[in-house]
Amino acid sequence: MREAKASKTTRQRIADRLRTEAMSAAAIARDFEVDTATAVSHVEHIAKSLENEDEQLMVAPPTCRDCGFEDFDDLLNRPGRCPDCKSESVEEPAFRIA
């Protein structure tokens, strides 16, 4: 007899995890064994799938650890350095579904 329960996709498992905790793209990549670009792609698709739902993807923006700058143009990707103080100590954005 075949098992009726289908397993969840990686994207579904990521969405489930983001409902319980905030995660950076690097953490998603590590925990779900994908590269960082793929993790960002999954997050983008999850955000689109939530557009007609009661939930939404929340993004804590990247933040410079040295000067506190957080007005980056791209909220999904970790910038290489801070445009304000030029520090390379920039915290990754974190994603959560709320």
N, C-alpha and C. Protein backbone atom coordinates (compact mmCIF):
# COMPACT_ATOMS: atom_id res chain seq x y z
N MET A 1 0.84 -1.19 0.00
CA MET A 1 0.00 0.00 0.00
C MET A 1 0.88 1.24 0.00
N ARG A 2 0.56 2.20 -0.90
CA ARG A 2 1.35 3.43 -1.01
C ARG A 2 0.97 4.39 0.09
N GLU A 3 1.95 5.14 0.53
CA GLU A 3 1.71 6.14 1.57
C GLU A 3 0.99 7.34 0.95
N ALA A 4 -0.12 7.76 1.53
CA ALA A 4 -0.94 8.84 0.99
C ALA A 4 -0.36 10.22 1.27
N LYS A 5 0.42 10.33 2.32
CA LYS A 5 0.97 11.62 2.71
C LYS A 5 2.18 11.97 1.84
N ALA A 6 2.10 13.09 1.13
CA ALA A 6 3.22 13.55 0.30
C ALA A 6 4.17 14.37 1.16
N SER A 7 5.45 14.28 0.89
CA SER A 7 6.41 15.07 1.64
C SER A 7 6.40 16.51 1.15
N LYS A 8 6.80 17.41 2.01
CA LYS A 8 6.79 18.84 1.68
C LYS A 8 8.01 19.20 0.84
N THR A 9 7.84 20.21 0.01
CA THR A 9 8.95 20.72 -0.79
C THR A 9 9.89 21.52 0.10
N THR A 10 11.08 21.77 -0.39
CA THR A 10 12.04 22.59 0.35
C THR A 10 11.43 23.96 0.65
N ARG A 11 10.77 24.55 -0.33
CA ARG A 11 10.16 25.87 -0.16
C ARG A 11 9.10 25.83 0.94
N GLN A 12 8.29 24.78 0.98
CA GLN A 12 7.27 24.65 2.03
C GLN A 12 7.92 24.50 3.40
N ARG A 13 8.99 23.74 3.46
CA ARG A 13 9.69 23.55 4.74
C ARG A 13 10.33 24.85 5.21
N ILE A 14 10.88 25.63 4.27
CA ILE A 14 11.45 26.93 4.62
C ILE A 14 10.35 27.85 5.15
N ALA A 15 9.21 27.90 4.46
CA ALA A 15 8.09 28.74 4.90
C ALA A 15 7.63 28.33 6.30
N ASP A 16 7.54 27.04 6.55
CA ASP A 16 7.15 26.57 7.89
C ASP A 16 8.12 27.07 8.95
N ARG A 17 9.41 27.00 8.64
CA ARG A 17 10.43 27.44 9.60
C ARG A 17 10.35 28.94 9.82
N LEU A 18 10.11 29.71 8.73
CA LEU A 18 10.03 31.17 8.87
C LEU A 18 8.79 31.61 9.65
N ARG A 19 7.83 30.73 9.79
CA ARG A 19 6.66 31.03 10.62
C ARG A 19 7.01 30.93 12.11
N THR A 20 8.09 30.24 12.43
CA THR A 20 8.46 30.05 13.84
C THR A 20 9.68 30.84 14.26
N GLU A 21 10.53 31.22 13.30
CA GLU A 21 11.74 31.96 13.66
C GLU A 21 12.25 32.77 12.48
N ALA A 22 12.95 33.86 12.78
CA ALA A 22 13.59 34.67 11.74
C ALA A 22 14.91 34.01 11.35
N MET A 23 15.19 34.03 10.05
CA MET A 23 16.42 33.40 9.55
C MET A 23 17.02 34.25 8.45
N SER A 24 18.34 34.27 8.38
CA SER A 24 19.05 34.93 7.29
C SER A 24 19.14 33.96 6.11
N ALA A 25 19.50 34.49 4.95
CA ALA A 25 19.66 33.63 3.77
C ALA A 25 20.76 32.59 4.01
N ALA A 26 21.83 33.00 4.69
CA ALA A 26 22.92 32.05 4.98
C ALA A 26 22.45 30.92 5.89
N ALA A 27 21.62 31.25 6.87
CA ALA A 27 21.10 30.22 7.78
C ALA A 27 20.16 29.28 7.04
N ILE A 28 19.33 29.83 6.16
CA ILE A 28 18.44 29.00 5.35
C ILE A 28 19.27 28.08 4.47
N ALA A 29 20.29 28.64 3.83
CA ALA A 29 21.15 27.84 2.95
C ALA A 29 21.81 26.70 3.71
N ARG A 30 22.31 27.00 4.89
CA ARG A 30 22.98 25.98 5.71
C ARG A 30 22.00 24.90 6.17
N ASP A 31 20.87 25.31 6.71
CA ASP A 31 19.91 24.37 7.28
C ASP A 31 19.20 23.52 6.24
N PHE A 32 19.01 24.06 5.03
CA PHE A 32 18.27 23.34 4.00
C PHE A 32 19.18 22.84 2.87
N GLU A 33 20.49 22.96 3.09
CA GLU A 33 21.50 22.43 2.17
C GLU A 33 21.34 22.92 0.73
N VAL A 34 21.21 24.24 0.59
CA VAL A 34 21.18 24.89 -0.72
C VAL A 34 22.19 26.03 -0.68
N ASP A 35 22.52 26.60 -1.84
CA ASP A 35 23.41 27.75 -1.80
C ASP A 35 22.61 29.01 -1.44
N THR A 36 23.33 30.07 -1.10
CA THR A 36 22.67 31.29 -0.63
C THR A 36 21.77 31.90 -1.70
N ALA A 37 22.20 31.90 -2.94
CA ALA A 37 21.37 32.46 -4.02
C ALA A 37 20.06 31.69 -4.15
N THR A 38 20.11 30.39 -4.00
CA THR A 38 18.90 29.57 -4.06
C THR A 38 18.00 29.87 -2.86
N ALA A 39 18.60 30.08 -1.69
CA ALA A 39 17.83 30.43 -0.50
C ALA A 39 17.09 31.75 -0.72
N VAL A 40 17.76 32.74 -1.30
CA VAL A 40 17.12 34.03 -1.59
C VAL A 40 15.99 33.85 -2.59
N SER A 41 16.22 33.02 -3.61
CA SER A 41 15.19 32.74 -4.60
C SER A 41 13.96 32.10 -3.95
N HIS A 42 14.18 31.17 -3.05
CA HIS A 42 13.07 30.54 -2.33
C HIS A 42 12.29 31.59 -1.53
N VAL A 43 13.01 32.48 -0.86
CA VAL A 43 12.36 33.52 -0.05
C VAL A 43 11.53 34.44 -0.95
N GLU A 44 12.05 34.80 -2.11
CA GLU A 44 11.31 35.64 -3.05
C GLU A 44 10.01 34.96 -3.49
N HIS A 45 10.09 33.67 -3.81
CA HIS A 45 8.90 32.93 -4.22
C HIS A 45 7.90 32.77 -3.08
N ILE A 46 8.41 32.57 -1.88
CA ILE A 46 7.53 32.47 -0.71
C ILE A 46 6.77 33.79 -0.53
N ALA A 47 7.47 34.91 -0.68
CA ALA A 47 6.83 36.23 -0.54
C ALA A 47 5.71 36.39 -1.56
N LYS A 48 5.95 35.96 -2.80
CA LYS A 48 4.92 36.06 -3.84
C LYS A 48 3.73 35.16 -3.51
N SER A 49 3.99 33.99 -2.98
CA SER A 49 2.89 33.06 -2.68
C SER A 49 2.04 33.54 -1.51
N LEU A 50 2.56 34.46 -0.71
CA LEU A 50 1.83 34.97 0.44
C LEU A 50 0.99 36.20 0.09
N GLU A 51 1.09 36.72 -1.14
CA GLU A 51 0.42 37.96 -1.51
C GLU A 51 -1.09 37.92 -1.30
N ASN A 52 -1.72 36.80 -1.52
CA ASN A 52 -3.18 36.68 -1.36
C ASN A 52 -3.56 35.98 -0.06
N GLU A 53 -2.65 35.90 0.86
CA GLU A 53 -2.88 35.23 2.14
C GLU A 53 -2.95 36.25 3.26
N ASP A 54 -3.27 35.80 4.45
CA ASP A 54 -3.31 36.67 5.62
C ASP A 54 -1.92 36.88 6.21
N GLU A 55 -0.94 36.18 5.70
CA GLU A 55 0.43 36.29 6.19
C GLU A 55 1.24 37.16 5.23
N GLN A 56 2.38 37.64 5.73
CA GLN A 56 3.29 38.36 4.86
C GLN A 56 4.73 38.11 5.29
N LEU A 57 5.64 38.27 4.34
CA LEU A 57 7.05 38.11 4.64
C LEU A 57 7.57 39.41 5.24
N MET A 58 8.15 39.31 6.40
CA MET A 58 8.75 40.47 7.07
C MET A 58 10.26 40.38 6.87
N VAL A 59 10.90 41.52 6.61
CA VAL A 59 12.34 41.54 6.39
C VAL A 59 12.97 42.54 7.35
N ALA A 60 13.86 42.04 8.20
CA ALA A 60 14.69 42.92 9.02
C ALA A 60 15.87 43.29 8.13
N PRO A 61 16.04 44.58 7.82
CA PRO A 61 17.04 44.98 6.82
C PRO A 61 18.47 44.70 7.26
N PRO A 62 19.39 44.63 6.29
CA PRO A 62 20.80 44.53 6.66
C PRO A 62 21.18 45.76 7.47
N THR A 63 22.09 45.59 8.40
CA THR A 63 22.50 46.69 9.27
C THR A 63 24.01 46.67 9.44
N CYS A 64 24.63 47.84 9.32
CA CYS A 64 26.07 47.95 9.57
C CYS A 64 26.31 47.81 11.07
N ARG A 65 27.18 46.91 11.45
CA ARG A 65 27.47 46.69 12.87
C ARG A 65 28.31 47.83 13.45
N ASP A 66 29.02 48.57 12.57
CA ASP A 66 29.89 49.64 13.06
C ASP A 66 29.18 50.97 13.23
N CYS A 67 28.35 51.38 12.25
CA CYS A 67 27.73 52.71 12.33
C CYS A 67 26.21 52.66 12.43
N GLY A 68 25.61 51.48 12.26
CA GLY A 68 24.16 51.35 12.38
C GLY A 68 23.38 51.67 11.12
N PHE A 69 24.05 51.96 10.02
CA PHE A 69 23.38 52.27 8.75
C PHE A 69 22.49 51.10 8.34
N GLU A 70 21.24 51.40 7.92
CA GLU A 70 20.34 50.33 7.50
C GLU A 70 19.48 50.72 6.31
N ASP A 71 19.83 51.76 5.59
CA ASP A 71 19.05 52.22 4.45
C ASP A 71 19.61 51.66 3.14
N PHE A 72 19.82 50.35 3.10
CA PHE A 72 20.38 49.70 1.92
C PHE A 72 19.32 49.59 0.82
N ASP A 73 19.75 49.62 -0.43
CA ASP A 73 18.84 49.55 -1.57
C ASP A 73 18.20 48.16 -1.70
N ASP A 74 18.97 47.12 -1.48
CA ASP A 74 18.50 45.74 -1.65
C ASP A 74 18.31 45.12 -0.28
N LEU A 75 17.07 44.89 0.09
CA LEU A 75 16.78 44.36 1.42
C LEU A 75 16.97 42.85 1.53
N LEU A 76 17.04 42.15 0.40
CA LEU A 76 17.12 40.69 0.46
C LEU A 76 18.54 40.16 0.52
N ASN A 77 19.49 40.86 -0.04
CA ASN A 77 20.86 40.37 -0.11
C ASN A 77 21.77 41.13 0.85
N ARG A 78 22.76 40.43 1.36
CA ARG A 78 23.73 41.04 2.26
C ARG A 78 24.72 41.85 1.42
N PRO A 79 24.82 43.15 1.68
CA PRO A 79 25.79 43.96 0.94
C PRO A 79 27.21 43.65 1.36
N GLY A 80 28.15 43.90 0.47
CA GLY A 80 29.55 43.64 0.76
C GLY A 80 30.13 44.59 1.78
N ARG A 81 29.67 45.84 1.75
CA ARG A 81 30.15 46.82 2.73
C ARG A 81 29.14 47.95 2.88
N CYS A 82 29.32 48.71 3.93
CA CYS A 82 28.42 49.81 4.24
C CYS A 82 28.75 51.00 3.34
N PRO A 83 27.75 51.58 2.67
CA PRO A 83 28.02 52.73 1.83
C PRO A 83 28.34 54.00 2.63
N ASP A 84 28.00 53.99 3.91
CA ASP A 84 28.22 55.16 4.75
C ASP A 84 29.63 55.20 5.33
N CYS A 85 30.02 54.13 6.04
CA CYS A 85 31.33 54.12 6.71
C CYS A 85 32.34 53.19 6.04
N LYS A 86 31.91 52.46 5.01
CA LYS A 86 32.74 51.53 4.23
C LYS A 86 33.15 50.28 4.99
N SER A 87 32.56 50.04 6.15
CA SER A 87 32.86 48.84 6.92
C SER A 87 32.32 47.61 6.20
N GLU A 88 33.00 46.50 6.34
CA GLU A 88 32.53 45.23 5.78
C GLU A 88 31.77 44.41 6.82
N SER A 89 31.57 44.97 7.98
CA SER A 89 30.86 44.29 9.07
C SER A 89 29.36 44.61 8.98
N VAL A 90 28.70 43.95 8.04
CA VAL A 90 27.28 44.19 7.80
C VAL A 90 26.49 42.93 8.14
N GLU A 91 25.50 43.10 8.98
CA GLU A 91 24.64 41.98 9.37
C GLU A 91 23.66 41.67 8.25
N GLU A 92 23.47 40.39 7.99
CA GLU A 92 22.54 39.96 6.94
C GLU A 92 21.10 40.31 7.28
N PRO A 93 20.26 40.49 6.25
CA PRO A 93 18.83 40.66 6.53
C PRO A 93 18.28 39.35 7.08
N ALA A 94 17.23 39.45 7.85
CA ALA A 94 16.57 38.27 8.40
C ALA A 94 15.12 38.25 7.94
N PHE A 95 14.60 37.08 7.66
CA PHE A 95 13.26 36.90 7.12
C PHE A 95 12.39 36.15 8.12
N ARG A 96 11.11 36.55 8.15
CA ARG A 96 10.14 35.87 9.01
C ARG A 96 8.76 36.03 8.39
N ILE A 97 7.92 35.04 8.56
CA ILE A 97 6.54 35.13 8.10
C ILE A 97 5.66 35.44 9.30
N ALA A 98 4.87 36.49 9.16
CA ALA A 98 3.98 36.90 10.26
C ALA A 98 2.58 37.11 9.73
